[in-house]
Amino acid sequence: MRRAAPFGPNLFASVMGTGIVATAGASMPGLHVAATYVWALAAALLLCLVIAAVRRWTWATVRAQLADPVMAQFWGAPPMALMTVGTGALLLGSDWIGLPAALALDWTLWTVGTVLGLVTSVVVPLRTFGSDEPAFAGWLMPVVPPMVSAASGALLAAHMADGPGRQAMVLGCYALFGVSLFATLVIVPQVWQRLVRHGVGAASAVPTVWIVLGPLGQSITAANLLAGVPVLPGQRAFGVLYGTTAWGFALLWVALAAAVTVRTVRRGLPFALTWWSFVFPLGTLVTGTSALAVRVPSALFSGVALVLYGGLVAAWVTVAVRTVLSRF
């Protein structure tokens, strides 16, 4: 009989990956219905994992996971899973449950996810201070949730009435954008330096190189979704200028990460739950590219978004099948 694998926060990466396939598909022509079913799958998976977490996690369990230098980073996954499903409810689930229920669900998941994400942004990086642990891209996981909050919050703000409340929401989202962006600007150079000096390390860690795309793609998405809720001058210009610049670097990272991955596959890439790092980060680049296509109607952005989405679906199917086979 196969021994049960440990139940950790990294399992919530499967919800993130499944949810981003749905939300990214919401902007793809002819895929709205299919994307809605994928969102329902992500929502069901999230519910199962939350129930399992309530039953299996204790304070001692959480402390042990936070003490693990690798597992601790994946505490960023639960808040992002919550908000990804919430965004899907607003973009897709409203067709089934109605807009008022979808808004209520999204507000609830966004609020809980934002609070948890701010906690992980402080608690998890704090444990690395003064340690000799080498930097790796997984360090980005606990600081990306505020960027997801910024993007998801922009969609919620669009449903708010004009006034001080909407303005406060948008300004708050820009603040969350800053929390994640500047943390990313601190971490990515350390990751690059380690790759230059020591290489990618163990084969099982190679998928985490793709995590760098997470804050990049999500920041492009957030900047351009916030531009759609104008409360300050220059939001549209900022979204396009920042988004296009970050998009260029993101494509460079795709090329680097893909080359590293292909080289590792040739040598042997064992399956691990870190394979979900192939999915959500790439999905954020799809949503970011689609958001740019809305602000700057261009065959370039639209075409690249379609190509990236095809790669996203292929990655999701591959990783989902391997995950199921590994768990049973």
C-alpha atoms as a PDB file:
ATOM      1  CA  MET A   1       0.000   0.000   0.000  1.00  0.00           C
ATOM      2  CA  ARG A   2       1.299   3.479  -0.931  1.00  0.00           C
ATOM      3  CA  ARG A   3       2.184   5.551   2.096  1.00  0.00           C
ATOM      4  CA  ALA A   4       0.153   8.772   2.359  1.00  0.00           C
ATOM      5  CA  ALA A   5       2.154  11.825   1.378  1.00  0.00           C
ATOM      6  CA  PRO A   6       2.460  14.641   3.919  1.00  0.00           C
ATOM      7  CA  PHE A   7      -0.365  17.162   3.792  1.00  0.00           C
ATOM      8  CA  GLY A   8       1.271  20.556   3.427  1.00  0.00           C
ATOM      9  CA  PRO A   9       0.369  24.012   2.107  1.00  0.00           C
ATOM     10  CA  ASN A  10       2.062  23.132  -1.187  1.00  0.00           C
ATOM     11  CA  LEU A  11      -1.048  21.106  -2.101  1.00  0.00           C
ATOM     12  CA  PHE A  12      -2.927  24.389  -2.489  1.00  0.00           C
ATOM     13  CA  ALA A  13      -0.729  25.086  -5.521  1.00  0.00           C
ATOM     14  CA  SER A  14      -2.986  22.658  -7.388  1.00  0.00           C
ATOM     15  CA  VAL A  15      -5.939  24.986  -6.726  1.00  0.00           C
ATOM     16  CA  MET A  16      -3.881  27.970  -7.882  1.00  0.00           C
ATOM     17  CA  GLY A  17      -2.921  26.200 -11.086  1.00  0.00           C
ATOM     18  CA  THR A  18      -6.413  24.950 -11.847  1.00  0.00           C
ATOM     19  CA  GLY A  19      -7.965  28.303 -10.979  1.00  0.00           C
ATOM     20  CA  ILE A  20      -5.600  30.299 -13.194  1.00  0.00           C
ATOM     21  CA  VAL A  21      -6.429  28.051 -16.162  1.00  0.00           C
ATOM     22  CA  ALA A  22     -10.070  29.029 -15.615  1.00  0.00           C
ATOM     23  CA  THR A  23      -9.569  32.775 -15.084  1.00  0.00           C
ATOM     24  CA  ALA A  24      -7.113  33.028 -17.984  1.00  0.00           C
ATOM     25  CA  GLY A  25      -9.582  31.144 -20.172  1.00  0.00           C
ATOM     26  CA  ALA A  26     -12.317  33.658 -19.333  1.00  0.00           C
ATOM     27  CA  SER A  27     -10.699  36.133 -21.734  1.00  0.00           C
ATOM     28  CA  MET A  28     -10.132  33.606 -24.510  1.00  0.00           C
ATOM     29  CA  PRO A  29     -12.651  33.556 -27.367  1.00  0.00           C
ATOM     30  CA  GLY A  30     -15.031  30.596 -27.265  1.00  0.00           C
ATOM     31  CA  LEU A  31     -13.720  29.156 -23.995  1.00  0.00           C
ATOM     32  CA  HIS A  32     -16.041  30.772 -21.443  1.00  0.00           C
ATOM     33  CA  VAL A  33     -18.155  27.665 -20.817  1.00  0.00           C
ATOM     34  CA  ALA A  34     -15.175  25.306 -20.616  1.00  0.00           C
ATOM     35  CA  ALA A  35     -13.384  27.743 -18.308  1.00  0.00           C
ATOM     36  CA  THR A  36     -16.440  27.800 -16.036  1.00  0.00           C
ATOM     37  CA  TYR A  37     -16.241  24.035 -15.570  1.00  0.00           C
ATOM     38  CA  VAL A  38     -12.534  24.302 -14.775  1.00  0.00           C
ATOM     39  CA  TRP A  39     -13.349  26.982 -12.195  1.00  0.00           C
ATOM     40  CA  ALA A  40     -15.924  24.651 -10.620  1.00  0.00           C
ATOM     41  CA  LEU A  41     -13.219  21.980 -10.383  1.00  0.00           C
ATOM     42  CA  ALA A  42     -10.867  24.449  -8.685  1.00  0.00           C
ATOM     43  CA  ALA A  43     -13.603  25.495  -6.248  1.00  0.00           C
ATOM     44  CA  ALA A  44     -14.374  21.875  -5.373  1.00  0.00           C
ATOM     45  CA  LEU A  45     -10.685  21.116  -4.904  1.00  0.00           C
ATOM     46  CA  LEU A  46     -10.279  24.158  -2.658  1.00  0.00           C
ATOM     47  CA  LEU A  47     -13.219  23.061  -0.506  1.00  0.00           C
ATOM     48  CA  CYS A  48     -11.749  19.559  -0.102  1.00  0.00           C
ATOM     49  CA  LEU A  49      -8.331  20.920   0.848  1.00  0.00           C
ATOM     50  CA  VAL A  50      -9.750  23.416   3.341  1.00  0.00           C
ATOM     51  CA  ILE A  51     -11.772  20.659   5.025  1.00  0.00           C
ATOM     52  CA  ALA A  52      -8.702  18.415   5.125  1.00  0.00           C
ATOM     53  CA  ALA A  53      -6.586  21.244   6.551  1.00  0.00           C
ATOM     54  CA  VAL A  54      -9.102  21.943   9.312  1.00  0.00           C
ATOM     55  CA  ARG A  55      -9.129  18.259  10.236  1.00  0.00           C
ATOM     56  CA  ARG A  56      -5.396  17.558   9.981  1.00  0.00           C
ATOM     57  CA  TRP A  57      -3.509  20.729  10.842  1.00  0.00           C
ATOM     58  CA  THR A  58      -2.698  21.655  14.422  1.00  0.00           C
ATOM     59  CA  TRP A  59      -0.608  24.518  15.753  1.00  0.00           C
ATOM     60  CA  ALA A  60       2.277  22.060  16.168  1.00  0.00           C
ATOM     61  CA  THR A  61       1.905  21.018  12.520  1.00  0.00           C
ATOM     62  CA  VAL A  62       1.938  24.610  11.315  1.00  0.00           C
ATOM     63  CA  ARG A  63       5.017  25.430  13.398  1.00  0.00           C
ATOM     64  CA  ALA A  64       6.835  22.390  12.018  1.00  0.00           C
ATOM     65  CA  GLN A  65       6.020  23.421   8.443  1.00  0.00           C
ATOM     66  CA  LEU A  66       7.161  26.985   9.088  1.00  0.00           C
ATOM     67  CA  ALA A  67      10.426  25.609  10.467  1.00  0.00           C
ATOM     68  CA  ASP A  68      11.090  23.779   7.203  1.00  0.00           C
ATOM     69  CA  PRO A  69      13.063  26.171   4.942  1.00  0.00           C
ATOM     70  CA  VAL A  70      11.339  24.895   1.789  1.00  0.00           C
ATOM     71  CA  MET A  71       7.823  24.046   2.989  1.00  0.00           C
ATOM     72  CA  ALA A  72       7.543  27.381   4.790  1.00  0.00           C
ATOM     73  CA  GLN A  73       7.679  29.249   1.481  1.00  0.00           C
ATOM     74  CA  PHE A  74       4.582  27.443   0.252  1.00  0.00           C
ATOM     75  CA  TRP A  75       2.437  29.050   2.932  1.00  0.00           C
ATOM     76  CA  GLY A  76       1.889  31.667   0.259  1.00  0.00           C
ATOM     77  CA  ALA A  77      -0.148  29.110  -1.687  1.00  0.00           C
ATOM     78  CA  PRO A  78      -3.342  28.940   0.476  1.00  0.00           C
ATOM     79  CA  PRO A  79      -4.133  32.677   0.292  1.00  0.00           C
ATOM     80  CA  MET A  80      -3.495  32.733  -3.454  1.00  0.00           C
ATOM     81  CA  ALA A  81      -5.691  29.661  -3.908  1.00  0.00           C
ATOM     82  CA  LEU A  82      -8.530  31.403  -2.060  1.00  0.00           C
ATOM     83  CA  MET A  83      -8.304  34.563  -4.144  1.00  0.00           C
ATOM     84  CA  THR A  84      -7.920  32.702  -7.448  1.00  0.00           C
ATOM     85  CA  VAL A  85     -11.154  30.820  -6.833  1.00  0.00           C
ATOM     86  CA  GLY A  86     -12.828  34.052  -5.722  1.00  0.00           C
ATOM     87  CA  THR A  87     -11.814  35.819  -8.925  1.00  0.00           C
ATOM     88  CA  GLY A  88     -13.109  32.883 -10.933  1.00  0.00           C
ATOM     89  CA  ALA A  89     -16.437  33.169  -9.137  1.00  0.00           C
ATOM     90  CA  LEU A  90     -16.762  36.762 -10.304  1.00  0.00           C
ATOM     91  CA  LEU A  91     -15.553  36.193 -13.860  1.00  0.00           C
ATOM     92  CA  LEU A  92     -17.179  32.813 -14.476  1.00  0.00           C
ATOM     93  CA  GLY A  93     -19.248  31.514 -11.579  1.00  0.00           C
ATOM     94  CA  SER A  94     -21.752  34.385 -11.752  1.00  0.00           C
ATOM     95  CA  ASP A  95     -23.332  32.613 -14.724  1.00  0.00           C
ATOM     96  CA  TRP A  96     -24.329  29.776 -12.396  1.00  0.00           C
ATOM     97  CA  ILE A  97     -24.812  31.375  -8.974  1.00  0.00           C
ATOM     98  CA  GLY A  98     -25.743  34.915  -9.957  1.00  0.00           C
ATOM     99  CA  LEU A  99     -23.749  38.127  -9.657  1.00  0.00           C
ATOM    100  CA  PRO A 100     -24.747  39.009  -6.049  1.00  0.00           C
ATOM    101  CA  ALA A 101     -23.670  35.574  -4.766  1.00  0.00           C
ATOM    102  CA  ALA A 102     -20.491  35.676  -6.855  1.00  0.00           C
ATOM    103  CA  LEU A 103     -19.604  39.097  -5.452  1.00  0.00           C
ATOM    104  CA  ALA A 104     -20.265  37.943  -1.886  1.00  0.00           C
ATOM    105  CA  LEU A 105     -18.093  34.860  -2.383  1.00  0.00           C
ATOM    106  CA  ASP A 106     -15.312  36.852  -4.027  1.00  0.00           C
ATOM    107  CA  TRP A 107     -15.327  39.525  -1.314  1.00  0.00           C
ATOM    108  CA  THR A 108     -15.107  36.831   1.374  1.00  0.00           C
ATOM    109  CA  LEU A 109     -12.270  34.897  -0.261  1.00  0.00           C
ATOM    110  CA  TRP A 110     -10.447  38.110  -1.187  1.00  0.00           C
ATOM    111  CA  THR A 111     -10.621  39.429   2.371  1.00  0.00           C
ATOM    112  CA  VAL A 112      -9.416  36.195   3.967  1.00  0.00           C
ATOM    113  CA  GLY A 113      -6.759  35.691   1.288  1.00  0.00           C
ATOM    114  CA  THR A 114      -5.483  39.263   1.593  1.00  0.00           C
ATOM    115  CA  VAL A 115      -5.122  39.043   5.370  1.00  0.00           C
ATOM    116  CA  LEU A 116      -3.360  35.660   5.149  1.00  0.00           C
ATOM    117  CA  GLY A 117      -1.175  36.935   2.333  1.00  0.00           C
ATOM    118  CA  LEU A 118      -0.025  39.947   4.330  1.00  0.00           C
ATOM    119  CA  VAL A 119       0.787  37.612   7.228  1.00  0.00           C
ATOM    120  CA  THR A 120       2.895  35.323   5.015  1.00  0.00           C
ATOM    121  CA  SER A 121       4.647  38.374   3.533  1.00  0.00           C
ATOM    122  CA  VAL A 122       5.952  39.191   6.997  1.00  0.00           C
ATOM    123  CA  VAL A 123       6.209  35.909   8.894  1.00  0.00           C
ATOM    124  CA  VAL A 124       7.860  33.702   6.265  1.00  0.00           C
ATOM    125  CA  PRO A 125      10.591  36.111   5.083  1.00  0.00           C
ATOM    126  CA  LEU A 126      11.289  37.031   8.711  1.00  0.00           C
ATOM    127  CA  ARG A 127      12.410  33.476   9.474  1.00  0.00           C
ATOM    128  CA  THR A 128      15.137  33.745   6.798  1.00  0.00           C
ATOM    129  CA  PHE A 129      16.723  36.815   8.401  1.00  0.00           C
ATOM    130  CA  GLY A 130      20.110  35.934   9.844  1.00  0.00           C
ATOM    131  CA  SER A 131      20.077  32.436   8.348  1.00  0.00           C
ATOM    132  CA  ASP A 132      22.572  30.923   5.932  1.00  0.00           C
ATOM    133  CA  GLU A 133      19.891  29.441   3.684  1.00  0.00           C
ATOM    134  CA  PRO A 134      20.653  30.003  -0.009  1.00  0.00           C
ATOM    135  CA  ALA A 135      18.150  32.050  -1.978  1.00  0.00           C
ATOM    136  CA  PHE A 136      15.850  30.227  -4.399  1.00  0.00           C
ATOM    137  CA  ALA A 137      12.811  31.289  -6.388  1.00  0.00           C
ATOM    138  CA  GLY A 138      10.499  29.725  -3.810  1.00  0.00           C
ATOM    139  CA  TRP A 139      11.252  32.749  -1.617  1.00  0.00           C
ATOM    140  CA  LEU A 140       8.841  34.646  -3.859  1.00  0.00           C
ATOM    141  CA  MET A 141       5.865  32.471  -2.921  1.00  0.00           C
ATOM    142  CA  PRO A 142       5.019  34.173   0.396  1.00  0.00           C
ATOM    143  CA  VAL A 143       5.322  37.700  -1.056  1.00  0.00           C
ATOM    144  CA  VAL A 144       3.240  37.211  -4.210  1.00  0.00           C
ATOM    145  CA  PRO A 145      -0.198  37.054  -2.476  1.00  0.00           C
ATOM    146  CA  PRO A 146      -0.460  40.864  -2.071  1.00  0.00           C
ATOM    147  CA  MET A 147      -0.012  41.204  -5.841  1.00  0.00           C
ATOM    148  CA  VAL A 148      -2.826  38.698  -6.365  1.00  0.00           C
ATOM    149  CA  SER A 149      -4.866  40.812  -3.939  1.00  0.00           C
ATOM    150  CA  ALA A 150      -4.157  43.901  -6.046  1.00  0.00           C
ATOM    151  CA  ALA A 151      -5.316  42.238  -9.277  1.00  0.00           C
ATOM    152  CA  SER A 152      -8.364  40.582  -7.714  1.00  0.00           C
ATOM    153  CA  GLY A 153      -9.221  43.755  -5.808  1.00  0.00           C
ATOM    154  CA  ALA A 154      -9.267  45.740  -9.039  1.00  0.00           C
ATOM    155  CA  LEU A 155     -12.075  43.526 -10.345  1.00  0.00           C
ATOM    156  CA  LEU A 156     -14.029  44.022  -7.119  1.00  0.00           C
ATOM    157  CA  ALA A 157     -13.462  47.782  -7.223  1.00  0.00           C
ATOM    158  CA  ALA A 158     -15.012  47.868 -10.692  1.00  0.00           C
ATOM    159  CA  HIS A 159     -18.299  46.740  -9.090  1.00  0.00           C
ATOM    160  CA  MET A 160     -18.229  49.440  -6.407  1.00  0.00           C
ATOM    161  CA  ALA A 161     -20.057  52.740  -6.700  1.00  0.00           C
ATOM    162  CA  ASP A 162     -18.031  55.863  -7.372  1.00  0.00           C
ATOM    163  CA  GLY A 163     -16.974  57.569  -4.187  1.00  0.00           C
ATOM    164  CA  PRO A 164     -14.508  57.437  -1.306  1.00  0.00           C
ATOM    165  CA  GLY A 165     -14.954  53.698  -0.816  1.00  0.00           C
ATOM    166  CA  ARG A 166     -13.974  52.875  -4.375  1.00  0.00           C
ATOM    167  CA  GLN A 167     -11.052  55.289  -4.226  1.00  0.00           C
ATOM    168  CA  ALA A 168      -9.815  53.738  -0.982  1.00  0.00           C
ATOM    169  CA  MET A 169     -10.087  50.268  -2.513  1.00  0.00           C
ATOM    170  CA  VAL A 170      -8.039  51.239  -5.562  1.00  0.00           C
ATOM    171  CA  LEU A 171      -5.405  53.038  -3.495  1.00  0.00           C
ATOM    172  CA  GLY A 172      -5.222  50.043  -1.181  1.00  0.00           C
ATOM    173  CA  CYS A 173      -4.676  47.777  -4.175  1.00  0.00           C
ATOM    174  CA  TYR A 174      -1.811  49.965  -5.368  1.00  0.00           C
ATOM    175  CA  ALA A 175      -0.308  49.706  -1.879  1.00  0.00           C
ATOM    176  CA  LEU A 176      -0.600  45.911  -2.039  1.00  0.00           C
ATOM    177  CA  PHE A 177       0.975  46.104  -5.502  1.00  0.00           C
ATOM    178  CA  GLY A 178       3.926  47.911  -3.923  1.00  0.00           C
ATOM    179  CA  VAL A 179       4.299  45.383  -1.104  1.00  0.00           C
ATOM    180  CA  SER A 180       4.819  42.559  -3.552  1.00  0.00           C
ATOM    181  CA  LEU A 181       6.690  44.485  -6.240  1.00  0.00           C
ATOM    182  CA  PHE A 182       9.450  45.826  -4.007  1.00  0.00           C
ATOM    183  CA  ALA A 183       9.833  42.510  -2.192  1.00  0.00           C
ATOM    184  CA  THR A 184      10.217  40.895  -5.614  1.00  0.00           C
ATOM    185  CA  LEU A 185      12.846  43.452  -6.622  1.00  0.00           C
ATOM    186  CA  VAL A 186      14.846  42.444  -3.543  1.00  0.00           C
ATOM    187  CA  ILE A 187      14.533  38.686  -4.042  1.00  0.00           C
ATOM    188  CA  VAL A 188      14.945  38.198  -7.809  1.00  0.00           C
ATOM    189  CA  PRO A 189      18.544  39.561  -7.915  1.00  0.00           C
ATOM    190  CA  GLN A 190      19.459  37.085  -5.170  1.00  0.00           C
ATOM    191  CA  VAL A 191      17.906  34.261  -7.168  1.00  0.00           C
ATOM    192  CA  TRP A 192      19.790  35.352 -10.292  1.00  0.00           C
ATOM    193  CA  GLN A 193      23.051  35.539  -8.349  1.00  0.00           C
ATOM    194  CA  ARG A 194      22.590  32.047  -6.986  1.00  0.00           C
ATOM    195  CA  LEU A 195      21.831  30.663 -10.448  1.00  0.00           C
ATOM    196  CA  VAL A 196      25.000  32.282 -11.792  1.00  0.00           C
ATOM    197  CA  ARG A 197      27.222  31.053  -8.969  1.00  0.00           C
ATOM    198  CA  HIS A 198      25.747  27.672  -8.066  1.00  0.00           C
ATOM    199  CA  GLY A 199      23.399  26.652 -10.887  1.00  0.00           C
ATOM    200  CA  VAL A 200      19.836  25.431 -10.418  1.00  0.00           C
ATOM    201  CA  GLY A 201      20.663  22.796  -7.811  1.00  0.00           C
ATOM    202  CA  ALA A 202      18.716  19.553  -7.468  1.00  0.00           C
ATOM    203  CA  ALA A 203      16.533  18.527 -10.386  1.00  0.00           C
ATOM    204  CA  SER A 204      13.399  18.586  -8.211  1.00  0.00           C
ATOM    205  CA  ALA A 205      13.964  22.306  -7.584  1.00  0.00           C
ATOM    206  CA  VAL A 206      14.118  23.255 -11.269  1.00  0.00           C
ATOM    207  CA  PRO A 207      10.347  23.903 -11.609  1.00  0.00           C
ATOM    208  CA  THR A 208      10.590  26.598  -8.916  1.00  0.00           C
ATOM    209  CA  VAL A 209      12.623  28.718 -11.346  1.00  0.00           C
ATOM    210  CA  TRP A 210       9.297  29.436 -13.069  1.00  0.00           C
ATOM    211  CA  ILE A 211       7.934  31.072  -9.901  1.00  0.00           C
ATOM    212  CA  VAL A 212       9.683  34.305 -10.910  1.00  0.00           C
ATOM    213  CA  LEU A 213       6.999  34.674 -13.576  1.00  0.00           C
ATOM    214  CA  GLY A 214       4.348  34.819 -10.826  1.00  0.00           C
ATOM    215  CA  PRO A 215       4.966  38.345  -9.520  1.00  0.00           C
ATOM    216  CA  LEU A 216       5.905  39.549 -13.008  1.00  0.00           C
ATOM    217  CA  GLY A 217       2.755  38.328 -14.737  1.00  0.00           C
ATOM    218  CA  GLN A 218       0.507  39.187 -11.820  1.00  0.00           C
ATOM    219  CA  SER A 219       1.916  42.720 -11.607  1.00  0.00           C
ATOM    220  CA  ILE A 220       1.205  43.280 -15.301  1.00  0.00           C
ATOM    221  CA  THR A 221      -2.333  42.017 -14.719  1.00  0.00           C
ATOM    222  CA  ALA A 222      -2.839  44.178 -11.636  1.00  0.00           C
ATOM    223  CA  ALA A 223      -1.453  47.367 -13.197  1.00  0.00           C
ATOM    224  CA  ASN A 224      -3.764  47.108 -16.194  1.00  0.00           C
ATOM    225  CA  LEU A 225      -6.866  45.967 -14.307  1.00  0.00           C
ATOM    226  CA  LEU A 226      -6.431  48.899 -11.918  1.00  0.00           C
ATOM    227  CA  ALA A 227      -6.200  51.166 -14.960  1.00  0.00           C
ATOM    228  CA  GLY A 228      -9.784  50.145 -15.694  1.00  0.00           C
ATOM    229  CA  VAL A 229     -10.944  51.702 -12.399  1.00  0.00           C
ATOM    230  CA  PRO A 230      -9.662  55.280 -12.767  1.00  0.00           C
ATOM    231  CA  VAL A 231      -9.463  57.321  -9.581  1.00  0.00           C
ATOM    232  CA  LEU A 232      -6.057  58.911 -10.232  1.00  0.00           C
ATOM    233  CA  PRO A 233      -4.557  60.576 -13.324  1.00  0.00           C
ATOM    234  CA  GLY A 234      -2.101  58.500 -15.308  1.00  0.00           C
ATOM    235  CA  GLN A 235      -3.345  55.029 -14.336  1.00  0.00           C
ATOM    236  CA  ARG A 236      -3.750  53.897 -17.932  1.00  0.00           C
ATOM    237  CA  ALA A 237      -0.320  55.191 -18.929  1.00  0.00           C
ATOM    238  CA  PHE A 238       1.283  53.519 -15.925  1.00  0.00           C
ATOM    239  CA  GLY A 239      -0.435  50.229 -16.709  1.00  0.00           C
ATOM    240  CA  VAL A 240       0.763  50.202 -20.315  1.00  0.00           C
ATOM    241  CA  LEU A 241       4.301  51.480 -19.691  1.00  0.00           C
ATOM    242  CA  TYR A 242       4.971  49.309 -16.645  1.00  0.00           C
ATOM    243  CA  GLY A 243       3.155  46.341 -18.149  1.00  0.00           C
ATOM    244  CA  THR A 244       5.030  46.397 -21.443  1.00  0.00           C
ATOM    245  CA  THR A 245       8.404  46.777 -19.717  1.00  0.00           C
ATOM    246  CA  ALA A 246       7.753  43.959 -17.246  1.00  0.00           C
ATOM    247  CA  TRP A 247       6.308  41.850 -20.079  1.00  0.00           C
ATOM    248  CA  GLY A 248       9.603  42.027 -21.952  1.00  0.00           C
ATOM    249  CA  PHE A 249      11.559  40.792 -18.937  1.00  0.00           C
ATOM    250  CA  ALA A 250       8.955  38.097 -18.315  1.00  0.00           C
ATOM    251  CA  LEU A 251       9.437  36.738 -21.841  1.00  0.00           C
ATOM    252  CA  LEU A 252      13.187  36.693 -21.238  1.00  0.00           C
ATOM    253  CA  TRP A 253      12.605  34.674 -18.078  1.00  0.00           C
ATOM    254  CA  VAL A 254      10.332  32.271 -19.972  1.00  0.00           C
ATOM    255  CA  ALA A 255      13.178  31.595 -22.385  1.00  0.00           C
ATOM    256  CA  LEU A 256      15.705  31.075 -19.580  1.00  0.00           C
ATOM    257  CA  ALA A 257      13.389  28.884 -17.508  1.00  0.00           C
ATOM    258  CA  ALA A 258      12.367  26.824 -20.542  1.00  0.00           C
ATOM    259  CA  ALA A 259      16.005  26.216 -21.493  1.00  0.00           C
ATOM    260  CA  VAL A 260      16.888  25.138 -17.951  1.00  0.00           C
ATOM    261  CA  THR A 261      13.835  22.863 -17.817  1.00  0.00           C
ATOM    262  CA  VAL A 262      14.520  21.182 -21.166  1.00  0.00           C
ATOM    263  CA  ARG A 263      18.129  20.556 -20.171  1.00  0.00           C
ATOM    264  CA  THR A 264      17.023  19.022 -16.879  1.00  0.00           C
ATOM    265  CA  VAL A 265      14.336  16.864 -18.526  1.00  0.00           C
ATOM    266  CA  ARG A 266      16.997  15.326 -20.738  1.00  0.00           C
ATOM    267  CA  ARG A 267      18.952  14.326 -17.635  1.00  0.00           C
ATOM    268  CA  GLY A 268      15.877  13.251 -15.686  1.00  0.00           C
ATOM    269  CA  LEU A 269      13.264  15.374 -13.923  1.00  0.00           C
ATOM    270  CA  PRO A 270      11.513  13.438 -11.134  1.00  0.00           C
ATOM    271  CA  PHE A 271       7.929  14.375 -10.365  1.00  0.00           C
ATOM    272  CA  ALA A 272       7.226  16.438  -7.260  1.00  0.00           C
ATOM    273  CA  LEU A 273       4.503  18.858  -6.250  1.00  0.00           C
ATOM    274  CA  THR A 274       6.910  21.620  -7.266  1.00  0.00           C
ATOM    275  CA  TRP A 275       5.776  20.826 -10.822  1.00  0.00           C
ATOM    276  CA  TRP A 276       2.771  23.061 -10.104  1.00  0.00           C
ATOM    277  CA  SER A 277       5.300  25.895 -10.378  1.00  0.00           C
ATOM    278  CA  PHE A 278       5.046  25.348 -14.136  1.00  0.00           C
ATOM    279  CA  VAL A 279       1.357  26.287 -14.105  1.00  0.00           C
ATOM    280  CA  PHE A 280       0.267  29.273 -11.996  1.00  0.00           C
ATOM    281  CA  PRO A 281       3.236  31.545 -12.875  1.00  0.00           C
ATOM    282  CA  LEU A 282       2.722  30.912 -16.575  1.00  0.00           C
ATOM    283  CA  GLY A 283      -0.995  31.554 -16.082  1.00  0.00           C
ATOM    284  CA  THR A 284      -0.289  34.992 -14.619  1.00  0.00           C
ATOM    285  CA  LEU A 285       1.691  35.847 -17.741  1.00  0.00           C
ATOM    286  CA  VAL A 286      -1.334  34.834 -19.817  1.00  0.00           C
ATOM    287  CA  THR A 287      -3.660  37.090 -17.802  1.00  0.00           C
ATOM    288  CA  GLY A 288      -1.107  39.894 -17.913  1.00  0.00           C
ATOM    289  CA  THR A 289      -0.725  39.609 -21.676  1.00  0.00           C
ATOM    290  CA  SER A 290      -4.506  39.545 -22.098  1.00  0.00           C
ATOM    291  CA  ALA A 291      -4.844  42.621 -19.870  1.00  0.00           C
ATOM    292  CA  LEU A 292      -2.298  44.443 -22.043  1.00  0.00           C
ATOM    293  CA  ALA A 293      -4.239  43.409 -25.143  1.00  0.00           C
ATOM    294  CA  VAL A 294      -7.309  45.153 -23.697  1.00  0.00           C
ATOM    295  CA  ARG A 295      -5.410  48.397 -23.017  1.00  0.00           C
ATOM    296  CA  VAL A 296      -3.441  48.295 -26.284  1.00  0.00           C
ATOM    297  CA  PRO A 297      -5.419  46.415 -28.936  1.00  0.00           C
ATOM    298  CA  SER A 298      -2.659  44.619 -30.786  1.00  0.00           C
ATOM    299  CA  ALA A 299      -2.301  41.372 -32.667  1.00  0.00           C
ATOM    300  CA  LEU A 300       1.038  40.968 -30.888  1.00  0.00           C
ATOM    301  CA  PHE A 301      -0.441  40.750 -27.400  1.00  0.00           C
ATOM    302  CA  SER A 302      -3.522  38.790 -28.504  1.00  0.00           C
ATOM    303  CA  GLY A 303      -1.485  36.270 -30.458  1.00  0.00           C
ATOM    304  CA  VAL A 304       1.086  35.732 -27.720  1.00  0.00           C
ATOM    305  CA  ALA A 305      -1.701  35.332 -25.168  1.00  0.00           C
ATOM    306  CA  LEU A 306      -3.252  32.525 -27.231  1.00  0.00           C
ATOM    307  CA  VAL A 307       0.085  30.745 -27.651  1.00  0.00           C
ATOM    308  CA  LEU A 308       0.879  31.046 -23.948  1.00  0.00           C
ATOM    309  CA  TYR A 309      -2.579  29.798 -23.023  1.00  0.00           C
ATOM    310  CA  GLY A 310      -2.058  26.705 -25.153  1.00  0.00           C
ATOM    311  CA  GLY A 311       1.167  26.036 -23.248  1.00  0.00           C
ATOM    312  CA  LEU A 312      -0.628  26.687 -19.961  1.00  0.00           C
ATOM    313  CA  VAL A 313      -3.339  24.116 -20.670  1.00  0.00           C
ATOM    314  CA  ALA A 314      -0.761  21.534 -21.748  1.00  0.00           C
ATOM    315  CA  ALA A 315       1.243  22.127 -18.561  1.00  0.00           C
ATOM    316  CA  TRP A 316      -1.873  21.926 -16.383  1.00  0.00           C
ATOM    317  CA  VAL A 317      -3.065  18.642 -17.897  1.00  0.00           C
ATOM    318  CA  THR A 318       0.392  17.091 -17.562  1.00  0.00           C
ATOM    319  CA  VAL A 319       0.923  18.165 -13.963  1.00  0.00           C
ATOM    320  CA  ALA A 320      -2.641  17.347 -12.885  1.00  0.00           C
ATOM    321  CA  VAL A 321      -2.395  13.792 -14.256  1.00  0.00           C
ATOM    322  CA  ARG A 322       0.998  13.232 -12.644  1.00  0.00           C
ATOM    323  CA  THR A 323      -0.313  14.588  -9.328  1.00  0.00           C
ATOM    324  CA  VAL A 324      -3.279  12.219  -9.314  1.00  0.00           C
ATOM    325  CA  LEU A 325      -1.070   9.259 -10.183  1.00  0.00           C
ATOM    326  CA  SER A 326       1.389  10.161  -7.436  1.00  0.00           C
ATOM    327  CA  ARG A 327      -1.263  10.479  -4.731  1.00  0.00           C
ATOM    328  CA  PHE A 328      -3.091   7.206  -5.409  1.00  0.00           C
END
